[in-house]
């Protein structure tokens, strides 16, 4: 490969060969192409050798570096920030004691931006620092700004890195640079969980090194104390005092009587309340295993329903638990006795009868874990009775089966046919009333229709307020029948209730034979009846 050499002023004697390729004799005139002084060929090698000697004298090992930091870099510590393949050089920038930016080399002179140069592991930094008041050999450190300092950085995230020693005491003085690895690392250098208990020598951290406020901090402030068994010391987690159970002793007081550890409740000197009210969403259907949100911590259920519905059980029973239920709506809620729900959620109600909660009535239930049922512990007073006017009956208590429920209300009677499904005759001012006492219901009603509406079969009256008892048959008396026809040989009509139904069946009486059903064909538009009766539920 051709090598070109341009001589310096000191090599003026080689002017005839300046700029000529050494390996092309044809480019020289005779006899110079035959007689080229050997000194001319040795000159490039000599300059390179002298440059290497200068490097050695100025600080030792060097790096080819390039400054692309965006500004000139002053003489002093620098760090390697990358590598330029095109320039075959390391990219450098200012070192900094902050964070994780230690010095890797020293610039011994200013390096302009976008320029190549050399950086060294050591060397003299002339006039680099005011060294007044120091002594030759004192350490010089990398500062937080990337310059030199005589004071070791002390910030939590700063490194302590010596980059040289004081060479001359003056202002400015010289520093003899020599890079060392950082001897103190900032927090940015530490990986998570790098420092474990095993890496901290015993007795390294003592009471004397912990601030008093951290030993006995204010409330809410983390603090520590020396472990021990005396006063004003903390006890270890395995201290026997923490696991040595100690039963209280001595006489009980306040609302308790007797002695510890087994006192008895003697009284309640303050108001006692069942808190934890919940008001669940309105009940919209007959419901089994009722378990509304919040039931597990509730003491009072404030219930409503969109119509008259049955409640067959409540979840969450636990031995002795009390639960107050209030019907705060405008429709009736019936607690059903021992049916439909899971066995452990059912009710055991007085006389094994269903219990109706009329609007604004309530009941207190207690769970009996022996029988796994909710039992009625207390009920609201029957509707229309007051404490001041409680009637007395010889041998009868209000809690007996005869008067365990009292309710009044209205119902709407309708006429229908036994073969016309749910179709009913068109009412024309029909109305009904009932009074329930225990398991007996007294009903009265006026029924009038304006049109038969296509009903067929035998005549029925539907809409009774409660289903009839499964064990009894009942009859309903009738008065003032209007606008109907008796079949031949018939002389009167009546109504009876089959077991477990909410309707009554019309019959025609005849002499010497059983009554027969009254056909729908025997009534007409504007047929009317007055009825009154009592039946068992």
Protein backbone atom coordinates (compact mmCIF):
# COMPACT_ATOMS: atom_id res chain seq x y z
CA UNK A 1 0.00 0.00 0.00
CA UNK A 2 1.55 3.42 -0.89
CA UNK A 3 2.78 5.49 2.07
CA UNK A 4 3.05 9.26 1.73
CA UNK A 5 5.21 11.40 4.04
CA UNK A 6 5.32 15.21 4.13
CA UNK A 7 8.51 16.35 5.94
CA UNK A 8 8.56 18.98 8.67
CA UNK A 9 10.68 22.09 8.59
CA UNK A 10 13.47 20.06 10.17
CA UNK A 11 13.53 17.79 7.15
CA UNK A 12 13.98 20.43 4.48
CA UNK A 13 16.73 18.45 2.86
CA UNK A 14 14.03 16.01 1.67
CA UNK A 15 12.06 18.62 -0.23
CA UNK A 16 12.61 16.93 -3.57
CA UNK A 17 10.73 13.89 -2.27
CA UNK A 18 7.94 15.62 -0.43
CA UNK A 19 4.59 14.08 -1.23
CA UNK A 20 6.02 11.32 -3.39
CA UNK A 21 4.91 7.66 -2.92
CA UNK A 22 7.85 5.69 -1.54
CA UNK A 23 7.18 2.50 -3.50
CA UNK A 24 6.96 4.10 -6.95
CA UNK A 25 10.57 4.78 -8.19
CA UNK A 26 9.23 5.75 -11.59
CA UNK A 27 7.92 8.93 -10.03
CA UNK A 28 11.49 10.15 -9.31
CA UNK A 29 14.09 11.37 -11.81
CA UNK A 30 17.40 9.64 -12.03
CA UNK A 31 19.49 9.29 -10.07
CA UNK A 32 17.17 10.04 -7.10
CA UNK A 33 15.02 7.01 -7.84
CA UNK A 34 18.06 4.87 -7.20
CA UNK A 35 19.48 6.76 -4.20
CA UNK A 36 16.81 7.54 -1.58
CA UNK A 37 18.27 8.33 1.83
CA UNK A 38 17.32 5.64 4.42
CA UNK A 39 16.70 8.43 6.94
CA UNK A 40 13.69 9.48 4.91
CA UNK A 41 12.07 6.04 5.36
CA UNK A 42 12.84 5.93 9.09
CA UNK A 43 11.33 9.33 9.84
CA UNK A 44 7.64 8.12 10.24
CA UNK A 45 8.78 5.28 12.46
CA UNK A 46 10.87 7.68 14.51
CA UNK A 47 7.89 10.01 15.08
CA UNK A 48 5.67 7.15 16.21
CA UNK A 49 8.32 5.93 18.64
CA UNK A 50 8.69 9.43 20.08
CA UNK A 51 4.89 9.67 20.47
CA UNK A 52 4.80 6.39 22.41
CA UNK A 53 7.61 7.60 24.65
CA UNK A 54 5.63 10.79 25.33
CA UNK A 55 2.58 8.72 26.24
CA UNK A 56 4.59 6.67 28.68
CA UNK A 57 6.09 9.78 30.24
CA UNK A 58 2.67 11.49 30.59
CA UNK A 59 0.82 8.75 32.47
CA UNK A 60 1.08 5.28 31.14
CA UNK A 61 -1.66 3.31 29.34
CA UNK A 62 -3.88 5.22 26.95
CA UNK A 63 -7.16 4.83 25.13
CA UNK A 64 -8.18 6.19 21.77
CA UNK A 65 -11.20 8.32 22.63
CA UNK A 66 -13.70 10.58 20.91
CA UNK A 67 -15.81 13.37 22.36
CA UNK A 68 -19.39 13.47 21.03
CA UNK A 69 -20.92 14.76 24.29
CA UNK A 70 -22.08 18.02 22.77
CA UNK A 71 -19.41 20.28 24.31
CA UNK A 72 -15.70 20.45 25.02
CA UNK A 73 -14.45 18.18 27.80
CA UNK A 74 -11.94 19.75 30.23
CA UNK A 75 -8.80 18.04 31.43
CA UNK A 76 -9.78 15.71 34.24
CA UNK A 77 -11.74 12.53 34.94
CA UNK A 78 -14.04 11.16 32.21
CA UNK A 79 -16.17 8.06 31.80
CA UNK A 80 -16.68 5.75 28.83
CA UNK A 81 -20.19 6.25 27.44
CA UNK A 82 -20.00 4.11 24.29
CA UNK A 83 -17.89 3.14 21.31
CA UNK A 84 -17.57 4.51 17.77
CA UNK A 85 -16.85 1.83 15.19
CA UNK A 86 -16.33 4.46 12.49
CA UNK A 87 -13.67 6.28 14.58
CA UNK A 88 -12.25 3.12 16.14
CA UNK A 89 -12.45 4.96 19.48
CA UNK A 90 -14.27 4.89 22.82
CA UNK A 91 -16.90 7.61 23.28
CA UNK A 92 -16.41 9.61 26.49
CA UNK A 93 -18.36 12.04 28.69
CA UNK A 94 -17.93 13.72 32.09
CA UNK A 95 -17.70 11.38 35.08
CA UNK A 96 -19.90 12.26 38.09
CA UNK A 97 -19.90 11.18 41.73
CA UNK A 98 -23.72 11.23 41.68
CA UNK A 99 -25.42 7.92 40.85
CA UNK A 100 -23.44 5.31 38.98
CA UNK A 101 -21.08 7.42 36.78
CA UNK A 102 -17.49 6.66 37.97
CA UNK A 103 -14.38 7.82 36.12
CA UNK A 104 -12.70 5.36 33.75
CA UNK A 105 -9.83 7.52 32.41
CA UNK A 106 -8.19 10.97 32.58
CA UNK A 107 -7.99 13.64 29.91
CA UNK A 108 -4.70 15.51 30.31
CA UNK A 109 -5.84 18.32 28.04
CA UNK A 110 -9.09 19.79 26.74
CA UNK A 111 -10.79 17.70 24.04
CA UNK A 112 -13.10 19.63 21.72
CA UNK A 113 -16.52 18.30 20.76
CA UNK A 114 -16.52 15.81 17.84
CA UNK A 115 -12.74 15.39 18.19
CA UNK A 116 -10.49 12.39 18.72
CA UNK A 117 -7.78 12.19 21.35
CA UNK A 118 -6.16 10.09 24.02
CA UNK A 119 -7.22 9.39 27.61
CA UNK A 120 -4.94 7.91 30.25
CA UNK A 121 -5.04 5.89 33.45
CA UNK A 122 -2.68 8.41 35.06
CA UNK A 123 -0.74 11.59 34.42
CA UNK A 124 -0.17 15.14 35.64
CA UNK A 125 -3.08 17.57 35.66
CA UNK A 126 -1.31 20.92 35.71
CA UNK A 127 -3.00 23.76 37.64
CA UNK A 128 -6.05 21.63 38.10
CA UNK A 129 -7.08 22.63 41.64
CA UNK A 130 -6.51 25.03 44.52
CA UNK A 131 -4.47 22.82 46.83
CA UNK A 132 -3.76 25.51 49.43
CA UNK A 133 -3.94 24.15 52.97
CA UNK A 134 -3.27 20.59 51.90
CA UNK A 135 -0.15 18.46 51.91
CA UNK A 136 1.48 16.72 49.01
CA UNK A 137 0.01 13.26 48.73
CA UNK A 138 -3.46 14.17 50.04
CA UNK A 139 -6.21 12.39 48.07
CA UNK A 140 -8.14 14.14 45.34
CA UNK A 141 -11.68 12.89 44.58
CA UNK A 142 -14.19 12.90 41.75
CA UNK A 143 -16.83 15.54 42.61
CA UNK A 144 -20.61 15.51 42.11
CA UNK A 145 -20.20 17.92 39.18
CA UNK A 146 -17.58 15.77 37.46
CA UNK A 147 -14.67 18.02 38.50
CA UNK A 148 -11.95 17.48 41.14
CA UNK A 149 -12.44 18.01 44.87
CA UNK A 150 -10.38 17.63 48.02
CA UNK A 151 -13.48 16.56 50.03
CA UNK A 152 -14.89 13.08 49.67
CA UNK A 153 -18.58 13.18 48.52
CA UNK A 154 -20.98 12.10 51.29
CA UNK A 155 -24.45 11.96 49.67
CA UNK A 156 -26.52 8.78 49.98
CA UNK A 157 -26.37 8.17 46.23
CA UNK A 158 -22.80 9.41 45.67
CA UNK A 159 -19.67 7.39 45.15
CA UNK A 160 -16.28 8.07 46.74
CA UNK A 161 -13.58 7.63 44.07
CA UNK A 162 -9.99 8.82 44.42
CA UNK A 163 -8.65 10.03 41.05
CA UNK A 164 -5.21 11.28 42.13
CA UNK A 165 -3.02 12.92 44.79
CA UNK A 166 -1.90 16.47 45.48
CA UNK A 167 1.41 17.00 43.66
CA UNK A 168 2.11 20.65 44.42
CA UNK A 169 0.58 22.83 47.15
CA UNK A 170 -0.41 26.06 45.39
CA UNK A 171 -3.29 27.99 43.91
CA UNK A 172 -3.65 26.55 41.42
CA UNK A 173 -1.70 23.40 42.22
CA UNK A 174 -0.89 20.31 40.23
CA UNK A 175 -2.55 16.97 40.74
CA UNK A 176 -0.94 13.69 39.86
CA UNK A 177 -3.79 11.64 38.48
CA UNK A 178 -4.15 7.93 39.11
CA UNK A 179 -7.54 6.27 38.86
CA UNK A 180 -8.85 3.97 41.60
CA UNK A 181 -12.04 1.95 41.80
CA UNK A 182 -14.70 3.64 43.98
CA UNK A 183 -14.31 2.65 47.63
CA UNK A 184 -17.82 3.80 48.67
CA UNK A 185 -20.84 3.09 46.47
CA UNK A 186 -24.08 5.10 46.19
CA UNK A 187 -27.50 3.49 46.62
CA UNK A 188 -28.00 3.33 42.83
CA UNK A 189 -25.18 0.77 42.69
CA UNK A 190 -26.91 -1.64 45.07
CA UNK A 191 -29.21 -4.28 43.68
CA UNK A 192 -32.42 -5.10 45.51
CA UNK A 193 -31.74 -7.34 48.52
CA UNK A 194 -27.99 -7.11 47.88
CA UNK A 195 -27.32 -6.41 51.54
CA UNK A 196 -28.70 -9.20 53.73
CA UNK A 197 -28.41 -9.89 57.43
CA UNK A 198 -25.70 -12.47 56.71
CA UNK A 199 -23.51 -9.74 55.16
CA UNK A 200 -23.71 -7.44 58.20
CA UNK A 201 -21.07 -8.34 60.75
CA UNK A 202 -22.14 -8.90 64.33
CA UNK A 203 -22.09 -5.77 66.50
CA UNK A 204 -21.76 -3.57 63.41
CA UNK A 205 -24.98 -1.69 64.24
CA UNK A 206 -25.31 -0.87 67.93
CA UNK A 207 -27.62 1.25 70.07
CA UNK A 208 -25.13 4.09 69.88
CA UNK A 209 -25.59 4.25 66.11
CA UNK A 210 -29.40 4.40 66.28
CA UNK A 211 -31.03 7.76 66.91
CA UNK A 212 -33.05 8.02 70.10
CA UNK A 213 -36.22 8.85 68.15
CA UNK A 214 -35.87 5.54 66.31
CA UNK A 215 -35.59 3.60 69.56
CA UNK A 216 -38.72 5.08 71.10
CA UNK A 217 -40.59 6.77 68.26
CA UNK A 218 -43.84 8.62 68.55
CA UNK A 219 -47.14 6.84 67.95
CA UNK A 220 -47.31 5.64 64.34
CA UNK A 221 -43.52 5.93 63.86
CA UNK A 222 -41.49 2.78 63.39
CA UNK A 223 -39.02 2.37 66.24
CA UNK A 224 -36.85 -0.26 67.87
CA UNK A 225 -35.61 -1.14 71.33
CA UNK A 226 -33.00 -3.38 72.78
CA UNK A 227 -34.43 -6.80 73.55
CA UNK A 228 -34.55 -7.81 77.18
CA UNK A 229 -36.69 -8.83 80.09
CA UNK A 230 -36.49 -5.63 82.10
CA UNK A 231 -38.50 -2.44 82.00
CA UNK A 232 -38.45 -0.28 78.85
CA UNK A 233 -37.15 -3.11 76.67
CA UNK A 234 -38.79 -5.08 73.89
CA UNK A 235 -39.28 -8.82 74.12
CA UNK A 236 -38.34 -11.27 71.39
CA UNK A 237 -40.95 -13.13 69.43
CA UNK A 238 -40.09 -16.38 71.21
CA UNK A 239 -40.19 -14.79 74.67
CA UNK A 240 -41.97 -17.20 77.01
CA UNK A 241 -44.14 -14.37 78.31
CA UNK A 242 -45.89 -14.24 74.95
CA UNK A 243 -46.92 -17.92 74.96
CA UNK A 244 -47.40 -18.47 78.68
CA UNK A 245 -51.19 -18.17 78.92
CA UNK A 246 -52.28 -16.62 82.19
CA UNK A 247 -55.90 -16.86 83.28
CA UNK A 248 -57.30 -13.75 84.99
CA UNK A 249 -58.19 -14.09 88.65
CA UNK A 250 -59.91 -12.14 91.38
CA UNK A 251 -63.41 -10.86 91.86
CA UNK A 252 -65.48 -9.61 88.91
CA UNK A 253 -67.14 -6.21 88.91
CA UNK A 254 -69.29 -3.90 86.86
CA UNK A 255 -71.96 -5.85 85.02
CA UNK A 256 -70.25 -9.12 85.96
CA UNK A 257 -70.49 -11.05 89.19
CA UNK A 258 -68.55 -13.94 90.69
CA UNK A 259 -64.82 -14.44 90.20
CA UNK A 260 -62.49 -14.81 87.26
CA UNK A 261 -61.79 -16.79 85.18
CA UNK A 262 -65.50 -17.67 85.00
CA UNK A 263 -67.62 -14.64 85.96
CA UNK A 264 -71.37 -14.43 85.26
CA UNK A 265 -73.36 -11.64 83.63
CA UNK A 266 -75.29 -9.96 86.43
CA UNK A 267 -76.93 -6.98 84.75
CA UNK A 268 -76.84 -4.49 81.90
CA UNK A 269 -76.12 -1.06 83.30
CA UNK A 270 -76.30 0.61 79.89
CA UNK A 271 -78.77 0.46 77.02
CA UNK A 272 -78.71 -2.82 75.10
CA UNK A 273 -79.19 -2.67 71.37
CA UNK A 274 -79.27 -4.98 68.39
CA UNK A 275 -77.29 -3.10 65.78
CA UNK A 276 -76.36 -4.15 62.28
CA UNK A 277 -79.63 -3.32 60.49
CA UNK A 278 -79.82 -4.20 56.80
CA UNK A 279 -82.57 -3.33 54.30
CA UNK A 280 -82.21 -5.85 51.45
CA UNK A 281 -83.78 -5.53 48.02
CA UNK A 282 -87.53 -6.11 47.92
CA UNK A 283 -88.53 -9.79 47.93
CA UNK A 284 -90.07 -10.52 44.54
CA UNK A 285 -91.13 -14.19 44.85
CA UNK A 286 -91.71 -16.99 47.32
CA UNK A 287 -88.20 -17.52 48.70
CA UNK A 288 -86.28 -20.48 50.11
CA UNK A 289 -82.97 -20.29 52.01
CA UNK A 290 -83.06 -16.47 52.18
CA UNK A 291 -79.49 -15.11 52.23
CA UNK A 292 -79.32 -11.40 51.38
CA UNK A 293 -76.03 -9.49 51.22
CA UNK A 294 -74.87 -8.55 54.71
CA UNK A 295 -76.87 -11.27 56.50
CA UNK A 296 -73.80 -12.80 58.18
CA UNK A 297 -73.24 -9.70 60.34
CA UNK A 298 -76.82 -8.43 60.60
CA UNK A 299 -78.98 -8.42 63.73
CA UNK A 300 -82.07 -6.82 62.19
CA UNK A 301 -83.68 -7.49 58.79
CA UNK A 302 -85.95 -4.71 57.46
CA UNK A 303 -87.90 -6.51 54.73
CA UNK A 304 -90.25 -5.46 51.98
CA UNK A 305 -91.96 -7.44 49.21
CA UNK A 306 -93.58 -6.55 45.92
CA UNK A 307 -96.63 -8.72 46.75
CA UNK A 308 -97.71 -11.22 49.42
CA UNK A 309 -94.95 -13.86 49.48
CA UNK A 310 -93.72 -16.78 51.56
CA UNK A 311 -90.35 -17.04 53.30
CA UNK A 312 -89.48 -20.67 54.06
CA UNK A 313 -86.04 -20.30 55.67
CA UNK A 314 -83.07 -18.07 56.42
CA UNK A 315 -79.38 -18.97 56.06
CA UNK A 316 -76.67 -18.15 58.60
CA UNK A 317 -78.03 -19.91 61.66
CA UNK A 318 -75.57 -20.33 64.54
CA UNK A 319 -76.20 -21.52 68.09
CA UNK A 320 -78.06 -18.87 70.07
CA UNK A 321 -78.04 -16.25 67.31
CA UNK A 322 -80.87 -13.71 67.54
CA UNK A 323 -82.36 -12.16 64.43
CA UNK A 324 -85.13 -9.54 64.44
CA UNK A 325 -87.33 -9.39 61.32
CA UNK A 326 -89.55 -6.40 60.57
CA UNK A 327 -91.98 -6.17 57.66
CA UNK A 328 -91.60 -2.50 56.70
CA UNK A 329 -93.50 -2.87 53.42
CA UNK A 330 -97.19 -2.76 52.51
CA UNK A 331 -97.62 -6.48 51.68
CA UNK A 332 -97.77 -9.55 53.90
CA UNK A 333 -94.79 -11.85 54.42
CA UNK A 334 -95.57 -15.37 55.63
CA UNK A 335 -92.95 -17.38 57.51
CA UNK A 336 -93.67 -21.00 56.55
CA UNK A 337 -93.35 -23.72 59.18
CA UNK A 338 -90.68 -26.38 58.48
CA UNK A 339 -90.94 -26.64 54.70
CA UNK A 340 -89.14 -26.13 51.34
CA UNK A 341 -85.79 -24.61 52.49
CA UNK A 342 -82.73 -26.66 53.43
CA UNK A 343 -83.44 -28.34 56.77
CA UNK A 344 -80.93 -26.23 58.73
CA UNK A 345 -82.49 -22.98 57.46
CA UNK A 346 -86.15 -23.72 58.24
CA UNK A 347 -88.47 -22.28 60.88
CA UNK A 348 -90.13 -24.05 63.83
CA UNK A 349 -93.15 -21.84 64.52
CA UNK A 350 -95.76 -22.00 67.32
CA UNK A 351 -98.35 -24.75 66.91
CA UNK A 352 -96.49 -25.79 63.76
CA UNK A 353 -98.44 -23.08 61.95
CA UNK A 354 -97.26 -20.51 59.43
CA UNK A 355 -96.72 -17.03 60.85
CA UNK A 356 -97.96 -14.01 58.89
CA UNK A 357 -96.07 -10.74 59.21
CA UNK A 358 -98.56 -8.03 58.31
CA UNK A 359 -97.20 -4.59 57.35
CA UNK A 360 -95.29 -3.07 60.27
CA UNK A 361 -95.25 -6.33 62.23
CA UNK A 362 -92.13 -8.13 63.35
CA UNK A 363 -90.78 -11.25 65.00
CA UNK A 364 -87.56 -12.13 66.87
CA UNK A 365 -86.02 -15.46 65.92
CA UNK A 366 -83.39 -17.43 67.82
CA UNK A 367 -81.41 -20.26 66.25
CA UNK A 368 -81.61 -23.63 68.00
CA UNK A 369 -78.53 -25.60 66.98
CA UNK A 370 -79.81 -28.76 68.69
CA UNK A 371 -82.81 -29.00 66.35
CA UNK A 372 -81.11 -26.99 63.57
CA UNK A 373 -84.06 -24.63 63.19
CA UNK A 374 -84.96 -20.98 63.73
CA UNK A 375 -87.51 -20.62 66.53
CA UNK A 376 -89.79 -17.66 67.26
CA UNK A 377 -88.51 -16.13 70.52
CA UNK A 378 -90.92 -13.17 70.49
CA UNK A 379 -93.68 -11.88 68.23
CA UNK A 380 -95.34 -8.53 67.65
CA UNK A 381 -98.68 -7.97 69.36
CA UNK A 382 -101.62 -9.11 67.21
CA UNK A 383 -102.99 -6.41 64.97
CA UNK A 384 -105.77 -4.27 66.57
CA UNK A 385 -104.88 -5.43 70.10
CA UNK A 386 -103.00 -3.25 72.54
CA UNK A 387 -101.26 -3.93 75.83
CA UNK A 388 -103.85 -1.79 77.64
CA UNK A 389 -106.74 -3.75 76.19
CA UNK A 390 -105.41 -7.30 76.27
CA UNK A 391 -108.39 -9.62 76.71
CA UNK A 392 -108.30 -12.47 79.23
CA UNK A 393 -109.75 -15.89 78.70
CA UNK A 394 -110.05 -18.61 81.29
CA UNK A 395 -107.35 -21.17 80.61
CA UNK A 396 -106.18 -19.48 77.39
CA UNK A 397 -102.93 -17.57 76.98
CA UNK A 398 -102.30 -15.21 74.10
CA UNK A 399 -99.35 -17.41 73.15
CA UNK A 400 -101.52 -20.51 72.79
CA UNK A 401 -102.48 -21.86 69.40
CA UNK A 402 -105.91 -20.22 69.61
CA UNK A 403 -104.52 -16.67 69.36
CA UNK A 404 -101.01 -17.04 68.07
CA UNK A 405 -101.81 -14.99 64.94
CA UNK A 406 -104.21 -12.14 64.35
CA UNK A 407 -104.64 -10.40 61.01
CA UNK A 408 -107.22 -8.36 59.13
CA UNK A 409 -107.36 -7.49 55.46
CA UNK A 410 -109.17 -7.45 52.17
CA UNK A 411 -109.47 -9.95 49.32
CA UNK A 412 -111.08 -9.96 45.88
CA UNK A 413 -113.48 -12.81 45.12
CA UNK A 414 -113.82 -13.96 41.49
CA UNK A 415 -116.09 -16.49 39.74
CA UNK A 416 -114.51 -19.04 37.42
CA UNK A 417 -115.31 -22.33 35.73
CA UNK A 418 -113.76 -25.70 36.54
CA UNK A 419 -112.80 -26.30 32.87
CA UNK A 420 -111.87 -22.79 31.73
CA UNK A 421 -108.37 -22.62 33.22
CA UNK A 422 -107.41 -19.23 34.61
CA UNK A 423 -110.24 -17.35 32.89
CA UNK A 424 -112.55 -15.54 35.31
CA UNK A 425 -115.88 -13.80 34.94
CA UNK A 426 -115.74 -10.01 34.71
CA UNK A 427 -116.22 -8.46 38.16
CA UNK A 428 -118.66 -5.62 38.73
CA UNK A 429 -117.79 -4.13 42.13
CA UNK A 430 -116.91 -7.34 44.01
CA UNK A 431 -115.16 -6.93 47.37
CA UNK A 432 -114.14 -9.16 50.30
CA UNK A 433 -112.87 -8.84 53.88
CA UNK A 434 -111.25 -11.30 56.28
CA UNK A 435 -110.20 -11.66 59.92
CA UNK A 436 -107.69 -14.30 60.89
CA UNK A 437 -107.34 -15.54 64.47
CA UNK A 438 -104.85 -18.36 64.86
CA UNK A 439 -105.76 -21.06 62.32
CA UNK A 440 -109.30 -19.79 61.68
CA UNK A 441 -110.30 -17.29 59.01
CA UNK A 442 -113.65 -15.49 58.86
CA UNK A 443 -114.50 -14.22 55.38
CA UNK A 444 -117.30 -12.00 54.05
CA UNK A 445 -117.78 -10.85 50.47
CA UNK A 446 -120.12 -9.39 47.90
CA UNK A 447 -119.76 -10.86 44.41
CA UNK A 448 -121.33 -9.48 41.24
CA UNK A 449 -120.27 -10.06 37.66
CA UNK A 450 -120.99 -7.98 34.59
CA UNK A 451 -120.19 -10.76 32.09
CA UNK A 452 -119.47 -14.50 32.26
CA UNK A 453 -116.48 -13.97 29.96
CA UNK A 454 -116.66 -17.46 28.46
CA UNK A 455 -116.10 -19.49 31.62
CA UNK A 456 -117.19 -23.17 31.43
CA UNK A 457 -117.67 -26.24 33.66
CA UNK A 458 -118.81 -26.11 37.25
CA UNK A 459 -118.95 -22.80 39.12
CA UNK A 460 -116.11 -21.92 41.57
CA UNK A 461 -115.36 -18.87 43.73
CA UNK A 462 -111.60 -18.16 43.82
CA UNK A 463 -109.33 -15.65 45.58
CA UNK A 464 -109.63 -16.67 49.27
CA UNK A 465 -106.93 -14.93 51.35
CA UNK A 466 -105.40 -18.17 52.74
CA UNK A 467 -105.27 -21.77 51.56
CA UNK A 468 -107.56 -24.11 53.46
CA UNK A 469 -106.15 -26.63 55.93
CA UNK A 470 -104.88 -29.93 54.59
CA UNK A 471 -106.77 -31.79 57.32
CA UNK A 472 -110.19 -30.17 57.29
CA UNK A 473 -113.16 -29.41 55.06
CA UNK A 474 -115.15 -26.25 55.60
CA UNK A 475 -118.40 -24.77 54.33
CA UNK A 476 -119.30 -21.17 53.46
CA UNK A 477 -122.83 -19.86 53.90
CA UNK A 478 -124.53 -17.84 51.19
CA UNK A 479 -127.27 -15.23 51.24
CA UNK A 480 -129.14 -13.18 48.66
CA UNK A 481 -128.27 -15.16 45.52
CA UNK A 482 -129.37 -13.15 42.50
CA UNK A 483 -129.98 -13.84 38.79
CA UNK A 484 -129.21 -17.57 38.55
CA UNK A 485 -131.23 -20.73 37.79
CA UNK A 486 -131.42 -23.97 39.82
CA UNK A 487 -131.38 -27.23 37.92
CA UNK A 488 -134.47 -29.42 37.95
CA UNK A 489 -135.36 -30.94 41.35
CA UNK A 490 -132.80 -28.71 43.10
CA UNK A 491 -133.85 -26.41 45.91
CA UNK A 492 -130.80 -24.50 47.24
CA UNK A 493 -127.11 -23.73 46.79
CA UNK A 494 -124.05 -23.87 49.11
CA UNK A 495 -120.25 -23.78 48.96
CA UNK A 496 -117.53 -26.04 50.40
CA UNK A 497 -113.73 -25.92 50.52
CA UNK A 498 -111.55 -28.90 49.65
CA UNK A 499 -108.23 -29.32 51.53
CA UNK A 500 -105.32 -27.03 50.63
CA UNK A 501 -107.08 -24.77 48.12
CA UNK A 502 -107.95 -21.07 47.84
CA UNK A 503 -111.31 -21.57 46.12
CA UNK A 504 -114.81 -22.78 47.10
CA UNK A 505 -117.03 -25.02 44.98
CA UNK A 506 -120.74 -24.24 44.42
CA UNK A 507 -123.25 -27.10 44.98
CA UNK A 508 -127.00 -27.54 44.34
CA UNK A 509 -128.93 -29.39 47.03
CA UNK A 510 -131.61 -32.03 46.30
CA UNK A 511 -133.86 -34.16 48.43
CA UNK A 512 -132.81 -37.73 49.13
CA UNK A 513 -129.53 -37.49 47.22
CA UNK A 514 -126.08 -35.93 47.43
CA UNK A 515 -125.61 -32.35 46.33
CA UNK A 516 -124.23 -31.81 42.82
CA UNK A 517 -122.04 -29.12 41.29
CA UNK A 518 -123.72 -25.93 40.10
CA UNK A 519 -123.03 -25.60 36.34
CA UNK A 520 -121.71 -22.30 34.99
CA UNK A 521 -124.61 -22.45 32.53
CA UNK A 522 -127.02 -21.74 35.42
CA UNK A 523 -125.68 -18.20 36.02
CA UNK A 524 -125.96 -15.11 33.81
CA UNK A 525 -124.54 -11.66 33.44
CA UNK A 526 -125.16 -9.62 36.61
CA UNK A 527 -125.36 -12.73 38.80
CA UNK A 528 -124.59 -11.74 42.39
CA UNK A 529 -124.04 -13.42 45.81
CA UNK A 530 -123.48 -12.35 49.40
CA UNK A 531 -121.35 -14.87 51.34
CA UNK A 532 -120.05 -15.32 54.86
CA UNK A 533 -118.14 -18.21 56.38
CA UNK A 534 -115.37 -19.53 58.58
CA UNK A 535 -112.75 -22.04 57.49
CA UNK A 536 -109.61 -23.63 58.89
CA UNK A 537 -106.13 -23.00 57.51
